[in-house]
Amino acid sequence: IVGDLYCDIPLGLYIIREKNVVMIGELDVEKEELPAQMVQVSETEIKRAQNAEKEEMLLTGTKQKRMEFLDLDYEAFYLCVAAL
């Protein structure tokens, strides 16, 4: 899931050997409804969206590191700039 996009990618069989185990199963679309805004896309499109999301997070982190030396509240600063 990336934003409002989702894709089912078959991963095969995983064997988990630890104390904490979580059961994961398939979602029956007939019984469980997804939110209306969710859009199913191809595997290629979801990977492209994942890469874009990673790049955005890196860029945001880089901006934040650049602003740290100013000793500013970055989130407040960013909201002010975004409002312009």
PDB file of N, CA and C in Angstrom:
ATOM      1  N   ILE A   1       0.853  -1.174   0.000  1.00  0.00           N
ATOM      2  CA  ILE A   1       0.000   0.000   0.000  1.00  0.00           C
ATOM      3  C   ILE A   1       0.897   1.234   0.000  1.00  0.00           C
ATOM      4  N   VAL A   2       0.654   2.120  -0.937  1.00  0.00           N
ATOM      5  CA  VAL A   2       1.353   3.396  -1.013  1.00  0.00           C
ATOM      6  C   VAL A   2       0.291   4.460  -1.262  1.00  0.00           C
ATOM      7  N   GLY A   3       0.032   5.276  -0.248  1.00  0.00           N
ATOM      8  CA  GLY A   3      -1.007   6.287  -0.381  1.00  0.00           C
ATOM      9  C   GLY A   3      -2.356   5.632  -0.594  1.00  0.00           C
ATOM     10  N   ASP A   4      -2.989   5.934  -1.722  1.00  0.00           N
ATOM     11  CA  ASP A   4      -4.284   5.335  -2.057  1.00  0.00           C
ATOM     12  C   ASP A   4      -4.146   4.201  -3.061  1.00  0.00           C
ATOM     13  N   LEU A   5      -2.915   3.780  -3.337  1.00  0.00           N
ATOM     14  CA  LEU A   5      -2.669   2.699  -4.284  1.00  0.00           C
ATOM     15  C   LEU A   5      -2.338   1.418  -3.531  1.00  0.00           C
ATOM     16  N   TYR A   6      -2.761   0.289  -4.088  1.00  0.00           N
ATOM     17  CA  TYR A   6      -2.385  -0.994  -3.500  1.00  0.00           C
ATOM     18  C   TYR A   6      -2.186  -2.021  -4.604  1.00  0.00           C
ATOM     19  N   CYS A   7      -1.453  -3.077  -4.280  1.00  0.00           N
ATOM     20  CA  CYS A   7      -1.169  -4.134  -5.242  1.00  0.00           C
ATOM     21  C   CYS A   7      -0.917  -5.423  -4.468  1.00  0.00           C
ATOM     22  N   ASP A   8      -1.401  -6.529  -5.007  1.00  0.00           N
ATOM     23  CA  ASP A   8      -1.124  -7.839  -4.426  1.00  0.00           C
ATOM     24  C   ASP A   8       0.073  -8.432  -5.158  1.00  0.00           C
ATOM     25  N   ILE A   9       1.151  -8.683  -4.422  1.00  0.00           N
ATOM     26  CA  ILE A   9       2.357  -9.261  -4.997  1.00  0.00           C
ATOM     27  C   ILE A   9       2.578 -10.612  -4.326  1.00  0.00           C
ATOM     28  N   PRO A  10       2.494 -11.722  -5.083  1.00  0.00           N
ATOM     29  CA  PRO A  10       2.711 -13.033  -4.474  1.00  0.00           C
ATOM     30  C   PRO A  10       4.169 -13.171  -4.014  1.00  0.00           C
ATOM     31  N   LEU A  11       4.344 -13.506  -2.752  1.00  0.00           N
ATOM     32  CA  LEU A  11       5.686 -13.615  -2.183  1.00  0.00           C
ATOM     33  C   LEU A  11       6.105 -15.053  -1.908  1.00  0.00           C
ATOM     34  N   GLY A  12       5.200 -15.989  -2.121  1.00  0.00           N
ATOM     35  CA  GLY A  12       5.541 -17.382  -1.882  1.00  0.00           C
ATOM     36  C   GLY A  12       5.328 -17.753  -0.428  1.00  0.00           C
ATOM     37  N   LEU A  13       6.042 -18.745   0.020  1.00  0.00           N
ATOM     38  CA  LEU A  13       5.897 -19.268   1.373  1.00  0.00           C
ATOM     39  C   LEU A  13       7.055 -18.785   2.236  1.00  0.00           C
ATOM     40  N   TYR A  14       6.726 -18.231   3.390  1.00  0.00           N
ATOM     41  CA  TYR A  14       7.727 -17.783   4.348  1.00  0.00           C
ATOM     42  C   TYR A  14       7.625 -18.636   5.599  1.00  0.00           C
ATOM     43  N   ILE A  15       8.743 -19.084   6.106  1.00  0.00           N
ATOM     44  CA  ILE A  15       8.780 -19.828   7.366  1.00  0.00           C
ATOM     45  C   ILE A  15       9.351 -18.900   8.422  1.00  0.00           C
ATOM     46  N   ILE A  16       8.585 -18.702   9.489  1.00  0.00           N
ATOM     47  CA  ILE A  16       8.988 -17.792  10.550  1.00  0.00           C
ATOM     48  C   ILE A  16       9.256 -18.622  11.802  1.00  0.00           C
ATOM     49  N   ARG A  17      10.437 -18.477  12.380  1.00  0.00           N
ATOM     50  CA  ARG A  17      10.785 -19.236  13.574  1.00  0.00           C
ATOM     51  C   ARG A  17      11.250 -18.286  14.674  1.00  0.00           C
ATOM     52  N   GLU A  18      10.346 -17.866  15.480  1.00  0.00           N
ATOM     53  CA  GLU A  18      10.648 -17.003  16.626  1.00  0.00           C
ATOM     54  C   GLU A  18       9.537 -17.152  17.638  1.00  0.00           C
ATOM     55  N   LYS A  19       9.653 -16.421  18.731  1.00  0.00           N
ATOM     56  CA  LYS A  19       8.648 -16.483  19.790  1.00  0.00           C
ATOM     57  C   LYS A  19       7.365 -15.765  19.398  1.00  0.00           C
ATOM     58  N   ASN A  20       7.495 -14.609  18.756  1.00  0.00           N
ATOM     59  CA  ASN A  20       6.324 -13.814  18.376  1.00  0.00           C
ATOM     60  C   ASN A  20       5.966 -14.105  16.927  1.00  0.00           C
ATOM     61  N   VAL A  21       4.770 -14.614  16.716  1.00  0.00           N
ATOM     62  CA  VAL A  21       4.324 -14.956  15.369  1.00  0.00           C
ATOM     63  C   VAL A  21       2.996 -14.263  15.101  1.00  0.00           C
ATOM     64  N   VAL A  22       2.863 -13.713  13.918  1.00  0.00           N
ATOM     65  CA  VAL A  22       1.626 -13.051  13.516  1.00  0.00           C
ATOM     66  C   VAL A  22       1.036 -13.832  12.343  1.00  0.00           C
ATOM     67  N   MET A  23      -0.255 -14.089  12.399  1.00  0.00           N
ATOM     68  CA  MET A  23      -0.929 -14.776  11.298  1.00  0.00           C
ATOM     69  C   MET A  23      -1.338 -13.746  10.247  1.00  0.00           C
ATOM     70  N   ILE A  24      -1.012 -14.038   9.012  1.00  0.00           N
ATOM     71  CA  ILE A  24      -1.386 -13.164   7.916  1.00  0.00           C
ATOM     72  C   ILE A  24      -2.167 -14.007   6.916  1.00  0.00           C
ATOM     73  N   GLY A  25      -3.285 -13.492   6.463  1.00  0.00           N
ATOM     74  CA  GLY A  25      -4.091 -14.235   5.504  1.00  0.00           C
ATOM     75  C   GLY A  25      -4.549 -13.356   4.374  1.00  0.00           C
ATOM     76  N   GLU A  26      -5.191 -13.978   3.414  1.00  0.00           N
ATOM     77  CA  GLU A  26      -5.706 -13.230   2.278  1.00  0.00           C
ATOM     78  C   GLU A  26      -7.015 -12.561   2.644  1.00  0.00           C
ATOM     79  N   LEU A  27      -7.250 -11.430   2.041  1.00  0.00           N
ATOM     80  CA  LEU A  27      -8.468 -10.668   2.254  1.00  0.00           C
ATOM     81  C   LEU A  27      -9.481 -11.078   1.195  1.00  0.00           C
ATOM     82  N   ASP A  28     -10.652 -11.496   1.638  1.00  0.00           N
ATOM     83  CA  ASP A  28     -11.715 -11.854   0.708  1.00  0.00           C
ATOM     84  C   ASP A  28     -12.437 -10.572   0.320  1.00  0.00           C
ATOM     85  N   VAL A  29     -12.173 -10.089  -0.883  1.00  0.00           N
ATOM     86  CA  VAL A  29     -12.723  -8.818  -1.337  1.00  0.00           C
ATOM     87  C   VAL A  29     -14.248  -8.865  -1.360  1.00  0.00           C
ATOM     88  N   GLU A  30     -14.816 -10.032  -1.542  1.00  0.00           N
ATOM     89  CA  GLU A  30     -16.273 -10.168  -1.569  1.00  0.00           C
ATOM     90  C   GLU A  30     -16.865  -9.818  -0.203  1.00  0.00           C
ATOM     91  N   LYS A  31     -16.194 -10.222   0.866  1.00  0.00           N
ATOM     92  CA  LYS A  31     -16.706 -10.019   2.221  1.00  0.00           C
ATOM     93  C   LYS A  31     -16.217  -8.715   2.834  1.00  0.00           C
ATOM     94  N   GLU A  32     -14.973  -8.379   2.611  1.00  0.00           N
ATOM     95  CA  GLU A  32     -14.372  -7.182   3.188  1.00  0.00           C
ATOM     96  C   GLU A  32     -14.280  -6.107   2.114  1.00  0.00           C
ATOM     97  N   GLU A  33     -14.815  -4.953   2.386  1.00  0.00           N
ATOM     98  CA  GLU A  33     -14.744  -3.863   1.422  1.00  0.00           C
ATOM     99  C   GLU A  33     -13.550  -2.967   1.732  1.00  0.00           C
ATOM    100  N   LEU A  34     -12.849  -2.600   0.702  1.00  0.00           N
ATOM    101  CA  LEU A  34     -11.745  -1.663   0.841  1.00  0.00           C
ATOM    102  C   LEU A  34     -12.313  -0.254   0.827  1.00  0.00           C
ATOM    103  N   PRO A  35     -11.602   0.706   1.413  1.00  0.00           N
ATOM    104  CA  PRO A  35     -12.063   2.093   1.336  1.00  0.00           C
ATOM    105  C   PRO A  35     -12.245   2.511  -0.129  1.00  0.00           C
ATOM    106  N   ALA A  36     -13.203   3.354  -0.378  1.00  0.00           N
ATOM    107  CA  ALA A  36     -13.562   3.750  -1.748  1.00  0.00           C
ATOM    108  C   ALA A  36     -12.410   4.398  -2.505  1.00  0.00           C
ATOM    109  N   GLN A  37     -11.516   5.097  -1.810  1.00  0.00           N
ATOM    110  CA  GLN A  37     -10.440   5.812  -2.492  1.00  0.00           C
ATOM    111  C   GLN A  37      -9.285   4.898  -2.910  1.00  0.00           C
ATOM    112  N   MET A  38      -9.244   3.652  -2.433  1.00  0.00           N
ATOM    113  CA  MET A  38      -8.154   2.741  -2.766  1.00  0.00           C
ATOM    114  C   MET A  38      -8.261   2.286  -4.216  1.00  0.00           C
ATOM    115  N   VAL A  39      -7.121   2.292  -4.922  1.00  0.00           N
ATOM    116  CA  VAL A  39      -7.078   1.918  -6.334  1.00  0.00           C
ATOM    117  C   VAL A  39      -6.064   0.794  -6.504  1.00  0.00           C
ATOM    118  N   GLN A  40      -6.495  -0.302  -7.125  1.00  0.00           N
ATOM    119  CA  GLN A  40      -5.571  -1.405  -7.375  1.00  0.00           C
ATOM    120  C   GLN A  40      -4.775  -1.096  -8.640  1.00  0.00           C
ATOM    121  N   VAL A  41      -3.440  -1.253  -8.545  1.00  0.00           N
ATOM    122  CA  VAL A  41      -2.554  -0.961  -9.667  1.00  0.00           C
ATOM    123  C   VAL A  41      -1.659  -2.162  -9.917  1.00  0.00           C
ATOM    124  N   SER A  42      -0.887  -2.100 -10.986  1.00  0.00           N
ATOM    125  CA  SER A  42       0.019  -3.198 -11.323  1.00  0.00           C
ATOM    126  C   SER A  42       1.243  -3.182 -10.403  1.00  0.00           C
ATOM    127  N   GLU A  43       1.986  -4.272 -10.436  1.00  0.00           N
ATOM    128  CA  GLU A  43       3.192  -4.384  -9.611  1.00  0.00           C
ATOM    129  C   GLU A  43       4.218  -3.319  -9.996  1.00  0.00           C
ATOM    130  N   THR A  44       4.333  -3.028 -11.286  1.00  0.00           N
ATOM    131  CA  THR A  44       5.271  -2.005 -11.766  1.00  0.00           C
ATOM    132  C   THR A  44       4.909  -0.631 -11.216  1.00  0.00           C
ATOM    133  N   GLU A  45       3.622  -0.307 -11.252  1.00  0.00           N
ATOM    134  CA  GLU A  45       3.180   1.004 -10.771  1.00  0.00           C
ATOM    135  C   GLU A  45       3.387   1.160  -9.272  1.00  0.00           C
ATOM    136  N   ILE A  46       3.126   0.101  -8.495  1.00  0.00           N
ATOM    137  CA  ILE A  46       3.280   0.198  -7.037  1.00  0.00           C
ATOM    138  C   ILE A  46       4.752   0.340  -6.677  1.00  0.00           C
ATOM    139  N   LYS A  47       5.630  -0.345  -7.417  1.00  0.00           N
ATOM    140  CA  LYS A  47       7.070  -0.212  -7.147  1.00  0.00           C
ATOM    141  C   LYS A  47       7.549   1.196  -7.485  1.00  0.00           C
ATOM    142  N   ARG A  48       7.006   1.776  -8.556  1.00  0.00           N
ATOM    143  CA  ARG A  48       7.349   3.150  -8.920  1.00  0.00           C
ATOM    144  C   ARG A  48       6.883   4.116  -7.825  1.00  0.00           C
ATOM    145  N   ALA A  49       5.685   3.866  -7.292  1.00  0.00           N
ATOM    146  CA  ALA A  49       5.155   4.714  -6.217  1.00  0.00           C
ATOM    147  C   ALA A  49       5.980   4.556  -4.942  1.00  0.00           C
ATOM    148  N   GLN A  50       6.431   3.319  -4.654  1.00  0.00           N
ATOM    149  CA  GLN A  50       7.280   3.095  -3.478  1.00  0.00           C
ATOM    150  C   GLN A  50       8.591   3.854  -3.605  1.00  0.00           C
ATOM    151  N   ASN A  51       9.197   3.805  -4.777  1.00  0.00           N
ATOM    152  CA  ASN A  51      10.458   4.523  -4.997  1.00  0.00           C
ATOM    153  C   ASN A  51      10.267   6.023  -4.850  1.00  0.00           C
ATOM    154  N   ALA A  52       9.167   6.543  -5.396  1.00  0.00           N
ATOM    155  CA  ALA A  52       8.896   7.977  -5.274  1.00  0.00           C
ATOM    156  C   ALA A  52       8.697   8.359  -3.817  1.00  0.00           C
ATOM    157  N   GLU A  53       8.011   7.504  -3.049  1.00  0.00           N
ATOM    158  CA  GLU A  53       7.788   7.778  -1.630  1.00  0.00           C
ATOM    159  C   GLU A  53       9.106   7.776  -0.856  1.00  0.00           C
ATOM    160  N   LYS A  54      10.003   6.833  -1.187  1.00  0.00           N
ATOM    161  CA  LYS A  54      11.320   6.775  -0.538  1.00  0.00           C
ATOM    162  C   LYS A  54      12.133   8.025  -0.843  1.00  0.00           C
ATOM    163  N   GLU A  55      12.121   8.452  -2.119  1.00  0.00           N
ATOM    164  CA  GLU A  55      12.862   9.653  -2.504  1.00  0.00           C
ATOM    165  C   GLU A  55      12.325  10.886  -1.789  1.00  0.00           C
ATOM    166  N   GLU A  56      11.006  10.966  -1.654  1.00  0.00           N
ATOM    167  CA  GLU A  56      10.389  12.091  -0.954  1.00  0.00           C
ATOM    168  C   GLU A  56      10.813  12.113   0.518  1.00  0.00           C
ATOM    169  N   MET A  57      10.850  10.929   1.138  1.00  0.00           N
ATOM    170  CA  MET A  57      11.252  10.855   2.542  1.00  0.00           C
ATOM    171  C   MET A  57      12.715  11.244   2.699  1.00  0.00           C
ATOM    172  N   LEU A  58      13.571  10.813   1.760  1.00  0.00           N
ATOM    173  CA  LEU A  58      14.985  11.188   1.812  1.00  0.00           C
ATOM    174  C   LEU A  58      15.151  12.689   1.638  1.00  0.00           C
ATOM    175  N   LEU A  59      14.406  13.262   0.703  1.00  0.00           N
ATOM    176  CA  LEU A  59      14.485  14.700   0.461  1.00  0.00           C
ATOM    177  C   LEU A  59      14.028  15.479   1.688  1.00  0.00           C
ATOM    178  N   THR A  60      12.940  15.043   2.309  1.00  0.00           N
ATOM    179  CA  THR A  60      12.444  15.705   3.514  1.00  0.00           C
ATOM    180  C   THR A  60      13.477  15.599   4.631  1.00  0.00           C
ATOM    181  N   GLY A  61      14.091  14.413   4.772  1.00  0.00           N
ATOM    182  CA  GLY A  61      15.124  14.230   5.793  1.00  0.00           C
ATOM    183  C   GLY A  61      16.328  15.112   5.544  1.00  0.00           C
ATOM    184  N   THR A  62      16.714  15.255   4.276  1.00  0.00           N
ATOM    185  CA  THR A  62      17.848  16.099   3.920  1.00  0.00           C
ATOM    186  C   THR A  62      17.544  17.561   4.236  1.00  0.00           C
ATOM    187  N   LYS A  63      16.319  18.007   3.907  1.00  0.00           N
ATOM    188  CA  LYS A  63      15.925  19.386   4.226  1.00  0.00           C
ATOM    189  C   LYS A  63      15.980  19.621   5.726  1.00  0.00           C
ATOM    190  N   GLN A  64      15.495  18.646   6.470  1.00  0.00           N
ATOM    191  CA  GLN A  64      15.462  18.789   7.928  1.00  0.00           C
ATOM    192  C   GLN A  64      16.876  18.875   8.484  1.00  0.00           C
ATOM    193  N   LYS A  65      17.795  18.061   7.976  1.00  0.00           N
ATOM    194  CA  LYS A  65      19.180  18.097   8.446  1.00  0.00           C
ATOM    195  C   LYS A  65      19.831  19.444   8.139  1.00  0.00           C
ATOM    196  N   ARG A  66      19.491  20.011   6.989  1.00  0.00           N
ATOM    197  CA  ARG A  66      20.049  21.316   6.627  1.00  0.00           C
ATOM    198  C   ARG A  66      19.555  22.407   7.557  1.00  0.00           C
ATOM    199  N   MET A  67      18.327  22.287   8.034  1.00  0.00           N
ATOM    200  CA  MET A  67      17.741  23.317   8.879  1.00  0.00           C
ATOM    201  C   MET A  67      18.112  23.153  10.357  1.00  0.00           C
ATOM    202  N   GLU A  68      18.595  21.963  10.757  1.00  0.00           N
ATOM    203  CA  GLU A  68      18.901  21.719  12.170  1.00  0.00           C
ATOM    204  C   GLU A  68      19.928  22.695  12.716  1.00  0.00           C
ATOM    205  N   PHE A  69      20.901  23.091  11.903  1.00  0.00           N
ATOM    206  CA  PHE A  69      21.942  23.970  12.409  1.00  0.00           C
ATOM    207  C   PHE A  69      21.403  25.353  12.755  1.00  0.00           C
ATOM    208  N   LEU A  70      20.233  25.704  12.204  1.00  0.00           N
ATOM    209  CA  LEU A  70      19.634  26.998  12.520  1.00  0.00           C
ATOM    210  C   LEU A  70      18.887  26.988  13.842  1.00  0.00           C
ATOM    211  N   ASP A  71      18.717  25.800  14.411  1.00  0.00           N
ATOM    212  CA  ASP A  71      18.010  25.628  15.677  1.00  0.00           C
ATOM    213  C   ASP A  71      16.578  26.163  15.575  1.00  0.00           C
ATOM    214  N   LEU A  72      15.926  25.855  14.450  1.00  0.00           N
ATOM    215  CA  LEU A  72      14.544  26.263  14.239  1.00  0.00           C
ATOM    216  C   LEU A  72      13.616  25.081  14.465  1.00  0.00           C
ATOM    217  N   ASP A  73      12.371  25.368  14.730  1.00  0.00           N
ATOM    218  CA  ASP A  73      11.361  24.330  14.763  1.00  0.00           C
ATOM    219  C   ASP A  73      11.009  24.046  13.312  1.00  0.00           C
ATOM    220  N   TYR A  74      11.595  22.991  12.749  1.00  0.00           N
ATOM    221  CA  TYR A  74      11.477  22.710  11.325  1.00  0.00           C
ATOM    222  C   TYR A  74      10.031  22.507  10.901  1.00  0.00           C
ATOM    223  N   GLU A  75       9.255  21.788  11.688  1.00  0.00           N
ATOM    224  CA  GLU A  75       7.876  21.513  11.301  1.00  0.00           C
ATOM    225  C   GLU A  75       7.072  22.808  11.195  1.00  0.00           C
ATOM    226  N   ALA A  76       7.245  23.718  12.150  1.00  0.00           N
ATOM    227  CA  ALA A  76       6.535  24.997  12.105  1.00  0.00           C
ATOM    228  C   ALA A  76       7.003  25.814  10.903  1.00  0.00           C
ATOM    229  N   PHE A  77       8.317  25.800  10.636  1.00  0.00           N
ATOM    230  CA  PHE A  77       8.873  26.518   9.502  1.00  0.00           C
ATOM    231  C   PHE A  77       8.311  25.963   8.195  1.00  0.00           C
ATOM    232  N   TYR A  78       8.290  24.644   8.089  1.00  0.00           N
ATOM    233  CA  TYR A  78       7.808  23.992   6.865  1.00  0.00           C
ATOM    234  C   TYR A  78       6.336  24.313   6.624  1.00  0.00           C
ATOM    235  N   LEU A  79       5.531  24.335   7.701  1.00  0.00           N
ATOM    236  CA  LEU A  79       4.119  24.662   7.546  1.00  0.00           C
ATOM    237  C   LEU A  79       3.928  26.106   7.082  1.00  0.00           C
ATOM    238  N   CYS A  80       4.765  27.000   7.590  1.00  0.00           N
ATOM    239  CA  CYS A  80       4.686  28.404   7.164  1.00  0.00           C
ATOM    240  C   CYS A  80       5.044  28.544   5.692  1.00  0.00           C
ATOM    241  N   VAL A  81       6.102  27.852   5.266  1.00  0.00           N
ATOM    242  CA  VAL A  81       6.544  27.928   3.868  1.00  0.00           C
ATOM    243  C   VAL A  81       5.501  27.283   2.965  1.00  0.00           C
ATOM    244  N   ALA A  82       4.930  26.146   3.405  1.00  0.00           N
ATOM    245  CA  ALA A  82       3.919  25.461   2.594  1.00  0.00           C
ATOM    246  C   ALA A  82       2.660  26.306   2.443  1.00  0.00           C
ATOM    247  N   ALA A  83       2.369  27.142   3.422  1.00  0.00           N
ATOM    248  CA  ALA A  83       1.178  27.993   3.362  1.00  0.00           C
ATOM    249  C   ALA A  83       1.333  29.100   2.322  1.00  0.00           C
ATOM    250  N   LEU A  84       2.583  29.433   1.996  1.00  0.00           N
ATOM    251  CA  LEU A  84       2.813  30.494   1.002  1.00  0.00           C
ATOM    252  C   LEU A  84       2.451  29.966  -0.322  1.00  0.00           C
TER     253      LEU A  84
END
